[in-house]
Amino acid sequence: MIINEKNISETMNLIGYGLAKFDLAFVKEFGFKSKTSFAEYVVNLGLAATIKAVFNRQDSFDPYFDNGRKGWWQRNQREHIKHFIDSLFEKENAHSFANIVKLYISENNRTVSFETEKMTPIIKSKFKQLQETGKEAEFYFMQNYQTITSFENGALEDARLWGDGYDFQIQKEQNFLLAEIKGISANSGNIRITENEFNKANEFKNNYFLVVISNLYGTPKMTVIENPLTKIVFDKKEIVTTQIYYNSQNLKW
């Protein structure tokens, strides 16, 4: 069986996305002729309680695809997930995306085995991203940051690439606000910030915001903490790691 609720939710999101985007073409990649028989299979895997639950998950992704179905169920909860999956696999066709879903199911359920094609290095790298809660939280923030009063009508700029202690900059007129995003799958849990993030929060104070997005696998909630070092107690912990490098000889290029 799938190990935990988080893995079930992630897998069902991939299935719902595949059904909404590719319809029967996705189902046929699993060897089924109808969506009902495929849904029964998903239930038997322990990924959903009922066939209706499988169709509900598809329905929640339907509004984001031009497939003739409007969808309705939990519509507002899935947009960030759709964009997150798009960021990794938007260019995949029904065959290659189904292959990814099969591999994901196999990774989390050792009793299930599929005949799948060899995964390319870049797909392996993207595959790892699926399991990072922080990445999904960041996409939720990008879709919903305008609902935060402090950021309303601000211009968002992605700063994740720079790794400088914050994820996003929001410009409001001549004021620059920094936002660091943390994701939690449930309604409670601890968060961890790096020394770089700690120093940046200490430097920018009231212009630095910690945004915790909790309950990512239910109804996500954003908790916004301005100047977080004055509101949350962080215990300092040091982790010593060894970085290994390989140097070449001095060569003429």
C-alpha atoms as a PDB file:
ATOM      1  CA  MET A   1       0.000   0.000   0.000  1.00  0.00           C
ATOM      2  CA  ILE A   2       0.985   3.621  -0.440  1.00  0.00           C
ATOM      3  CA  ILE A   3       2.951   4.694   2.627  1.00  0.00           C
ATOM      4  CA  ASN A   4       1.125   7.813   3.808  1.00  0.00           C
ATOM      5  CA  GLU A   5      -1.554  10.377   3.064  1.00  0.00           C
ATOM      6  CA  LYS A   6       0.941  12.772   1.488  1.00  0.00           C
ATOM      7  CA  ASN A   7       1.972  10.198  -1.121  1.00  0.00           C
ATOM      8  CA  ILE A   8      -1.661   9.320  -1.806  1.00  0.00           C
ATOM      9  CA  SER A   9      -2.565  12.962  -2.357  1.00  0.00           C
ATOM     10  CA  GLU A  10       0.409  13.573  -4.644  1.00  0.00           C
ATOM     11  CA  THR A  11      -0.358  10.475  -6.699  1.00  0.00           C
ATOM     12  CA  MET A  12      -4.044  11.346  -6.994  1.00  0.00           C
ATOM     13  CA  ASN A  13      -3.135  14.840  -8.177  1.00  0.00           C
ATOM     14  CA  LEU A  14      -1.031  13.338 -10.951  1.00  0.00           C
ATOM     15  CA  ILE A  15      -3.885  10.993 -11.895  1.00  0.00           C
ATOM     16  CA  GLY A  16      -6.469  13.798 -11.832  1.00  0.00           C
ATOM     17  CA  TYR A  17      -4.213  15.963 -13.965  1.00  0.00           C
ATOM     18  CA  GLY A  18      -3.635  13.134 -16.443  1.00  0.00           C
ATOM     19  CA  LEU A  19      -7.344  12.372 -16.770  1.00  0.00           C
ATOM     20  CA  ALA A  20      -8.282  16.031 -17.226  1.00  0.00           C
ATOM     21  CA  LYS A  21      -5.566  16.728 -19.773  1.00  0.00           C
ATOM     22  CA  PHE A  22      -5.410  13.491 -21.786  1.00  0.00           C
ATOM     23  CA  ASP A  23      -8.759  11.791 -21.063  1.00  0.00           C
ATOM     24  CA  LEU A  24      -8.987   8.238 -22.496  1.00  0.00           C
ATOM     25  CA  ALA A  25      -5.493   8.420 -23.970  1.00  0.00           C
ATOM     26  CA  PHE A  26      -4.141   8.480 -20.414  1.00  0.00           C
ATOM     27  CA  VAL A  27      -6.369   5.583 -19.322  1.00  0.00           C
ATOM     28  CA  LYS A  28      -5.312   3.415 -22.257  1.00  0.00           C
ATOM     29  CA  GLU A  29      -1.663   3.767 -21.266  1.00  0.00           C
ATOM     30  CA  PHE A  30      -2.561   1.733 -18.163  1.00  0.00           C
ATOM     31  CA  GLY A  31      -4.265  -0.948 -20.275  1.00  0.00           C
ATOM     32  CA  PHE A  32      -7.896   0.058 -19.646  1.00  0.00           C
ATOM     33  CA  LYS A  33     -10.623   0.839 -22.176  1.00  0.00           C
ATOM     34  CA  SER A  34     -12.817   3.004 -19.932  1.00  0.00           C
ATOM     35  CA  LYS A  35     -12.300   5.569 -17.223  1.00  0.00           C
ATOM     36  CA  THR A  36     -14.586   3.599 -14.914  1.00  0.00           C
ATOM     37  CA  SER A  37     -12.430   0.478 -15.101  1.00  0.00           C
ATOM     38  CA  PHE A  38      -9.330   2.604 -14.574  1.00  0.00           C
ATOM     39  CA  ALA A  39     -10.980   4.286 -11.569  1.00  0.00           C
ATOM     40  CA  GLU A  40     -11.770   0.853 -10.103  1.00  0.00           C
ATOM     41  CA  TYR A  41      -8.096  -0.015 -10.473  1.00  0.00           C
ATOM     42  CA  VAL A  42      -7.075   3.175  -8.644  1.00  0.00           C
ATOM     43  CA  VAL A  43      -9.438   2.266  -5.807  1.00  0.00           C
ATOM     44  CA  ASN A  44      -7.987  -1.253  -5.633  1.00  0.00           C
ATOM     45  CA  LEU A  45      -4.515   0.265  -5.294  1.00  0.00           C
ATOM     46  CA  GLY A  46      -5.720   2.036  -2.173  1.00  0.00           C
ATOM     47  CA  LEU A  47      -5.293   5.505  -3.693  1.00  0.00           C
ATOM     48  CA  ALA A  48      -8.979   6.439  -3.452  1.00  0.00           C
ATOM     49  CA  ALA A  49     -11.897   5.274  -1.338  1.00  0.00           C
ATOM     50  CA  THR A  50     -14.425   5.245  -4.183  1.00  0.00           C
ATOM     51  CA  ILE A  51     -14.686   5.531  -7.957  1.00  0.00           C
ATOM     52  CA  LYS A  52     -16.431   8.854  -7.441  1.00  0.00           C
ATOM     53  CA  ALA A  53     -13.387  10.146  -5.581  1.00  0.00           C
ATOM     54  CA  VAL A  54     -11.242   9.455  -8.670  1.00  0.00           C
ATOM     55  CA  PHE A  55     -13.663  11.338 -10.903  1.00  0.00           C
ATOM     56  CA  ASN A  56     -13.842  14.170  -8.379  1.00  0.00           C
ATOM     57  CA  ARG A  57     -10.076  14.548  -8.580  1.00  0.00           C
ATOM     58  CA  GLN A  58     -10.261  14.759 -12.369  1.00  0.00           C
ATOM     59  CA  ASP A  59     -13.118  17.219 -12.047  1.00  0.00           C
ATOM     60  CA  SER A  60     -10.979  19.483  -9.875  1.00  0.00           C
ATOM     61  CA  PHE A  61      -8.456  19.824 -12.730  1.00  0.00           C
ATOM     62  CA  ASP A  62     -10.981  20.065 -15.588  1.00  0.00           C
ATOM     63  CA  PRO A  63     -11.428  23.867 -15.405  1.00  0.00           C
ATOM     64  CA  TYR A  64      -7.779  24.377 -16.365  1.00  0.00           C
ATOM     65  CA  PHE A  65      -7.907  22.413 -19.622  1.00  0.00           C
ATOM     66  CA  ASP A  66      -9.816  22.935 -22.846  1.00  0.00           C
ATOM     67  CA  ASN A  67     -11.502  19.541 -22.712  1.00  0.00           C
ATOM     68  CA  GLY A  68     -15.179  20.483 -22.917  1.00  0.00           C
ATOM     69  CA  ARG A  69     -15.760  19.833 -19.226  1.00  0.00           C
ATOM     70  CA  LYS A  70     -16.113  22.720 -16.797  1.00  0.00           C
ATOM     71  CA  GLY A  71     -15.411  20.876 -13.570  1.00  0.00           C
ATOM     72  CA  TRP A  72     -16.322  22.169 -10.158  1.00  0.00           C
ATOM     73  CA  TRP A  73     -15.080  20.103  -7.230  1.00  0.00           C
ATOM     74  CA  GLN A  74     -12.507  21.974  -5.096  1.00  0.00           C
ATOM     75  CA  ARG A  75     -11.785  24.106  -8.135  1.00  0.00           C
ATOM     76  CA  ASN A  76      -9.930  26.856  -6.286  1.00  0.00           C
ATOM     77  CA  GLN A  77      -7.650  24.407  -4.482  1.00  0.00           C
ATOM     78  CA  ARG A  78      -6.002  22.847  -7.521  1.00  0.00           C
ATOM     79  CA  GLU A  79      -4.740  25.759  -9.598  1.00  0.00           C
ATOM     80  CA  HIS A  80      -1.371  25.960  -7.858  1.00  0.00           C
ATOM     81  CA  ILE A  81      -0.965  22.187  -8.197  1.00  0.00           C
ATOM     82  CA  LYS A  82      -1.800  22.367 -11.910  1.00  0.00           C
ATOM     83  CA  HIS A  83       0.847  25.052 -12.421  1.00  0.00           C
ATOM     84  CA  PHE A  84       3.342  23.079 -10.323  1.00  0.00           C
ATOM     85  CA  ILE A  85       2.867  19.946 -12.450  1.00  0.00           C
ATOM     86  CA  ASP A  86       2.971  22.083 -15.612  1.00  0.00           C
ATOM     87  CA  SER A  87       6.326  23.509 -14.540  1.00  0.00           C
ATOM     88  CA  LEU A  88       7.754  19.994 -14.574  1.00  0.00           C
ATOM     89  CA  PHE A  89       5.817  18.043 -17.194  1.00  0.00           C
ATOM     90  CA  GLU A  90       3.766  20.411 -19.369  1.00  0.00           C
ATOM     91  CA  LYS A  91       5.487  19.255 -22.568  1.00  0.00           C
ATOM     92  CA  GLU A  92       4.919  15.544 -21.931  1.00  0.00           C
ATOM     93  CA  ASN A  93       2.351  13.657 -24.029  1.00  0.00           C
ATOM     94  CA  ALA A  94      -0.120  11.082 -22.694  1.00  0.00           C
ATOM     95  CA  HIS A  95       2.364   8.224 -23.084  1.00  0.00           C
ATOM     96  CA  SER A  96       5.308   9.874 -21.350  1.00  0.00           C
ATOM     97  CA  PHE A  97       3.180  11.419 -18.592  1.00  0.00           C
ATOM     98  CA  ALA A  98       1.527   8.058 -17.863  1.00  0.00           C
ATOM     99  CA  ASN A  99       5.028   6.566 -17.648  1.00  0.00           C
ATOM    100  CA  ILE A 100       5.911   9.152 -14.994  1.00  0.00           C
ATOM    101  CA  VAL A 101       2.744   8.364 -13.008  1.00  0.00           C
ATOM    102  CA  LYS A 102       3.499   4.634 -13.175  1.00  0.00           C
ATOM    103  CA  LEU A 103       6.987   5.238 -11.835  1.00  0.00           C
ATOM    104  CA  TYR A 104       5.599   7.434  -9.070  1.00  0.00           C
ATOM    105  CA  ILE A 105       3.125   4.753  -8.031  1.00  0.00           C
ATOM    106  CA  SER A 106       5.862   2.103  -8.066  1.00  0.00           C
ATOM    107  CA  GLU A 107       8.158   4.283  -5.947  1.00  0.00           C
ATOM    108  CA  ASN A 108       5.524   4.489  -3.221  1.00  0.00           C
ATOM    109  CA  ASN A 109       3.979   1.043  -3.532  1.00  0.00           C
ATOM    110  CA  ARG A 110       6.501  -1.771  -3.718  1.00  0.00           C
ATOM    111  CA  THR A 111       3.775  -4.325  -4.472  1.00  0.00           C
ATOM    112  CA  VAL A 112       2.968  -2.660  -7.814  1.00  0.00           C
ATOM    113  CA  SER A 113       5.158  -3.138 -10.853  1.00  0.00           C
ATOM    114  CA  PHE A 114       4.822  -1.599 -14.303  1.00  0.00           C
ATOM    115  CA  GLU A 115       6.726  -2.075 -17.509  1.00  0.00           C
ATOM    116  CA  THR A 116       8.084   1.430 -17.982  1.00  0.00           C
ATOM    117  CA  GLU A 117      10.611   3.083 -20.202  1.00  0.00           C
ATOM    118  CA  LYS A 118      13.976   4.187 -18.874  1.00  0.00           C
ATOM    119  CA  MET A 119      13.755   7.593 -17.237  1.00  0.00           C
ATOM    120  CA  THR A 120      15.977  10.300 -18.727  1.00  0.00           C
ATOM    121  CA  PRO A 121      18.291  12.230 -16.376  1.00  0.00           C
ATOM    122  CA  ILE A 122      16.224  15.423 -16.596  1.00  0.00           C
ATOM    123  CA  ILE A 123      12.979  13.557 -15.880  1.00  0.00           C
ATOM    124  CA  LYS A 124      14.687  11.996 -12.843  1.00  0.00           C
ATOM    125  CA  SER A 125      15.569  15.478 -11.617  1.00  0.00           C
ATOM    126  CA  LYS A 126      12.001  16.711 -12.159  1.00  0.00           C
ATOM    127  CA  PHE A 127      10.664  13.560 -10.512  1.00  0.00           C
ATOM    128  CA  LYS A 128      12.476  14.479  -7.284  1.00  0.00           C
ATOM    129  CA  GLN A 129      10.867  17.920  -7.317  1.00  0.00           C
ATOM    130  CA  LEU A 130       7.397  16.352  -7.045  1.00  0.00           C
ATOM    131  CA  GLN A 131       8.124  15.301  -3.489  1.00  0.00           C
ATOM    132  CA  GLU A 132       9.289  18.699  -2.233  1.00  0.00           C
ATOM    133  CA  THR A 133       6.547  20.396  -0.216  1.00  0.00           C
ATOM    134  CA  GLY A 134       8.322  23.739  -0.482  1.00  0.00           C
ATOM    135  CA  LYS A 135       8.042  23.821  -4.257  1.00  0.00           C
ATOM    136  CA  GLU A 136       4.281  23.321  -4.202  1.00  0.00           C
ATOM    137  CA  ALA A 137       3.952  26.003  -1.514  1.00  0.00           C
ATOM    138  CA  GLU A 138       5.852  28.464  -3.692  1.00  0.00           C
ATOM    139  CA  PHE A 139       3.452  27.917  -6.579  1.00  0.00           C
ATOM    140  CA  TYR A 140       0.493  28.403  -4.249  1.00  0.00           C
ATOM    141  CA  PHE A 141       1.997  31.697  -3.096  1.00  0.00           C
ATOM    142  CA  MET A 142       2.540  32.900  -6.668  1.00  0.00           C
ATOM    143  CA  GLN A 143      -1.099  32.219  -7.466  1.00  0.00           C
ATOM    144  CA  ASN A 144      -2.467  33.837  -4.295  1.00  0.00           C
ATOM    145  CA  TYR A 145      -0.037  36.487  -3.021  1.00  0.00           C
ATOM    146  CA  GLN A 146      -2.377  39.295  -4.080  1.00  0.00           C
ATOM    147  CA  THR A 147      -4.843  38.138  -1.402  1.00  0.00           C
ATOM    148  CA  ILE A 148      -2.314  39.144   1.268  1.00  0.00           C
ATOM    149  CA  THR A 149      -3.026  42.716   2.329  1.00  0.00           C
ATOM    150  CA  SER A 150       0.643  43.674   2.589  1.00  0.00           C
ATOM    151  CA  PHE A 151       1.313  42.484  -0.977  1.00  0.00           C
ATOM    152  CA  GLU A 152      -1.915  43.588  -2.642  1.00  0.00           C
ATOM    153  CA  ASN A 153      -1.325  45.348  -6.006  1.00  0.00           C
ATOM    154  CA  GLY A 154       2.404  44.692  -5.687  1.00  0.00           C
ATOM    155  CA  ALA A 155       4.682  43.536  -8.515  1.00  0.00           C
ATOM    156  CA  LEU A 156       6.087  40.068  -7.848  1.00  0.00           C
ATOM    157  CA  GLU A 157       9.637  39.152  -8.842  1.00  0.00           C
ATOM    158  CA  ASP A 158      10.994  35.628  -8.475  1.00  0.00           C
ATOM    159  CA  ALA A 159      14.274  35.565  -6.556  1.00  0.00           C
ATOM    160  CA  ARG A 160      14.558  31.823  -5.867  1.00  0.00           C
ATOM    161  CA  LEU A 161      17.355  31.356  -8.361  1.00  0.00           C
ATOM    162  CA  TRP A 162      19.676  33.648  -6.421  1.00  0.00           C
ATOM    163  CA  GLY A 163      19.474  31.810  -3.083  1.00  0.00           C
ATOM    164  CA  ASP A 164      19.955  35.023  -1.128  1.00  0.00           C
ATOM    165  CA  GLY A 165      17.718  34.384   1.867  1.00  0.00           C
ATOM    166  CA  TYR A 166      14.287  35.069   0.354  1.00  0.00           C
ATOM    167  CA  ASP A 167      12.120  33.604  -2.408  1.00  0.00           C
ATOM    168  CA  PHE A 168      10.266  36.616  -3.796  1.00  0.00           C
ATOM    169  CA  GLN A 169      10.463  40.397  -3.921  1.00  0.00           C
ATOM    170  CA  ILE A 170       7.230  42.371  -4.014  1.00  0.00           C
ATOM    171  CA  GLN A 171       7.471  45.997  -5.081  1.00  0.00           C
ATOM    172  CA  LYS A 172       4.783  48.374  -3.865  1.00  0.00           C
ATOM    173  CA  GLU A 173       5.492  51.847  -5.243  1.00  0.00           C
ATOM    174  CA  GLN A 174       8.992  52.642  -3.896  1.00  0.00           C
ATOM    175  CA  ASN A 175       8.883  50.006  -1.176  1.00  0.00           C
ATOM    176  CA  PHE A 176      10.493  46.574  -1.593  1.00  0.00           C
ATOM    177  CA  LEU A 177       9.179  43.663   0.468  1.00  0.00           C
ATOM    178  CA  LEU A 178      10.827  40.262   0.725  1.00  0.00           C
ATOM    179  CA  ALA A 179       8.935  36.996   1.181  1.00  0.00           C
ATOM    180  CA  GLU A 180      10.322  33.621   2.229  1.00  0.00           C
ATOM    181  CA  ILE A 181       7.899  30.718   1.654  1.00  0.00           C
ATOM    182  CA  LYS A 182       7.634  27.578   3.778  1.00  0.00           C
ATOM    183  CA  GLY A 183       5.287  24.674   3.138  1.00  0.00           C
ATOM    184  CA  ILE A 184       3.719  22.242   5.618  1.00  0.00           C
ATOM    185  CA  SER A 185       1.550  19.351   4.472  1.00  0.00           C
ATOM    186  CA  ALA A 186      -0.634  19.340   7.615  1.00  0.00           C
ATOM    187  CA  ASN A 187      -2.128  22.004   9.886  1.00  0.00           C
ATOM    188  CA  SER A 188       0.797  22.008  12.295  1.00  0.00           C
ATOM    189  CA  GLY A 189       4.519  21.399  12.274  1.00  0.00           C
ATOM    190  CA  ASN A 190       7.839  23.124  12.697  1.00  0.00           C
ATOM    191  CA  ILE A 191       9.662  25.160  10.092  1.00  0.00           C
ATOM    192  CA  ARG A 192      13.364  25.662   9.544  1.00  0.00           C
ATOM    193  CA  ILE A 193      15.178  28.696   8.180  1.00  0.00           C
ATOM    194  CA  THR A 194      18.767  28.867   7.025  1.00  0.00           C
ATOM    195  CA  GLU A 195      21.376  31.212   8.431  1.00  0.00           C
ATOM    196  CA  ASN A 196      21.128  33.204   5.209  1.00  0.00           C
ATOM    197  CA  GLU A 197      17.361  33.594   5.663  1.00  0.00           C
ATOM    198  CA  PHE A 198      17.835  34.476   9.335  1.00  0.00           C
ATOM    199  CA  ASN A 199      20.347  37.204   8.458  1.00  0.00           C
ATOM    200  CA  LYS A 200      18.164  38.609   5.702  1.00  0.00           C
ATOM    201  CA  ALA A 201      15.174  38.736   8.067  1.00  0.00           C
ATOM    202  CA  ASN A 202      17.331  40.539  10.626  1.00  0.00           C
ATOM    203  CA  GLU A 203      18.514  43.019   7.995  1.00  0.00           C
ATOM    204  CA  PHE A 204      15.137  43.914   6.470  1.00  0.00           C
ATOM    205  CA  LYS A 205      13.000  43.515   9.616  1.00  0.00           C
ATOM    206  CA  ASN A 206       9.488  44.911   8.870  1.00  0.00           C
ATOM    207  CA  ASN A 207      10.088  44.503   5.134  1.00  0.00           C
ATOM    208  CA  TYR A 208      10.769  40.783   5.510  1.00  0.00           C
ATOM    209  CA  PHE A 209       7.831  38.360   5.596  1.00  0.00           C
ATOM    210  CA  LEU A 210       7.712  34.670   6.379  1.00  0.00           C
ATOM    211  CA  VAL A 211       4.750  33.054   4.622  1.00  0.00           C
ATOM    212  CA  VAL A 212       3.859  29.591   5.925  1.00  0.00           C
ATOM    213  CA  ILE A 213       1.467  27.651   3.716  1.00  0.00           C
ATOM    214  CA  SER A 214      -0.028  24.827   5.744  1.00  0.00           C
ATOM    215  CA  ASN A 215      -2.471  22.010   4.987  1.00  0.00           C
ATOM    216  CA  LEU A 216      -1.176  21.747   1.427  1.00  0.00           C
ATOM    217  CA  TYR A 217      -2.963  18.442   0.885  1.00  0.00           C
ATOM    218  CA  GLY A 218      -6.309  19.735   2.099  1.00  0.00           C
ATOM    219  CA  THR A 219      -7.428  23.358   1.972  1.00  0.00           C
ATOM    220  CA  PRO A 220      -4.209  25.401   1.961  1.00  0.00           C
ATOM    221  CA  LYS A 221      -3.904  28.259   4.427  1.00  0.00           C
ATOM    222  CA  MET A 222      -1.415  31.128   4.291  1.00  0.00           C
ATOM    223  CA  THR A 223      -0.051  32.482   7.563  1.00  0.00           C
ATOM    224  CA  VAL A 224       1.912  35.703   7.066  1.00  0.00           C
ATOM    225  CA  ILE A 225       4.464  36.791   9.680  1.00  0.00           C
ATOM    226  CA  GLU A 226       5.999  40.236   9.287  1.00  0.00           C
ATOM    227  CA  ASN A 227       9.449  40.636  10.872  1.00  0.00           C
ATOM    228  CA  PRO A 228       9.381  36.951  11.926  1.00  0.00           C
ATOM    229  CA  LEU A 229      12.423  37.089  14.207  1.00  0.00           C
ATOM    230  CA  THR A 230      10.404  39.201  16.640  1.00  0.00           C
ATOM    231  CA  LYS A 231       7.451  36.794  16.642  1.00  0.00           C
ATOM    232  CA  ILE A 232       8.910  33.272  16.399  1.00  0.00           C
ATOM    233  CA  VAL A 233      11.630  31.746  18.553  1.00  0.00           C
ATOM    234  CA  PHE A 234      14.183  29.909  16.427  1.00  0.00           C
ATOM    235  CA  ASP A 235      16.657  27.570  18.120  1.00  0.00           C
ATOM    236  CA  LYS A 236      20.066  27.649  16.511  1.00  0.00           C
ATOM    237  CA  LYS A 237      21.355  24.278  15.380  1.00  0.00           C
ATOM    238  CA  GLU A 238      24.646  23.659  13.612  1.00  0.00           C
ATOM    239  CA  ILE A 239      25.061  20.868  11.075  1.00  0.00           C
ATOM    240  CA  VAL A 240      28.563  20.150   9.860  1.00  0.00           C
ATOM    241  CA  THR A 241      28.749  18.794   6.327  1.00  0.00           C
ATOM    242  CA  THR A 242      31.648  17.778   4.123  1.00  0.00           C
ATOM    243  CA  GLN A 243      31.749  19.112   0.582  1.00  0.00           C
ATOM    244  CA  ILE A 244      33.778  16.947  -1.799  1.00  0.00           C
ATOM    245  CA  TYR A 245      35.366  18.430  -4.917  1.00  0.00           C
ATOM    246  CA  TYR A 246      37.301  16.850  -7.759  1.00  0.00           C
ATOM    247  CA  ASN A 247      40.036  19.001  -9.297  1.00  0.00           C
ATOM    248  CA  SER A 248      41.636  18.328 -12.647  1.00  0.00           C
ATOM    249  CA  GLN A 249      45.327  18.731 -13.408  1.00  0.00           C
ATOM    250  CA  ASN A 250      46.546  22.039 -14.763  1.00  0.00           C
ATOM    251  CA  LEU A 251      45.684  21.624 -18.431  1.00  0.00           C
ATOM    252  CA  LYS A 252      46.007  23.801 -21.510  1.00  0.00           C
ATOM    253  CA  TRP A 253      42.584  24.543 -22.956  1.00  0.00           C
END
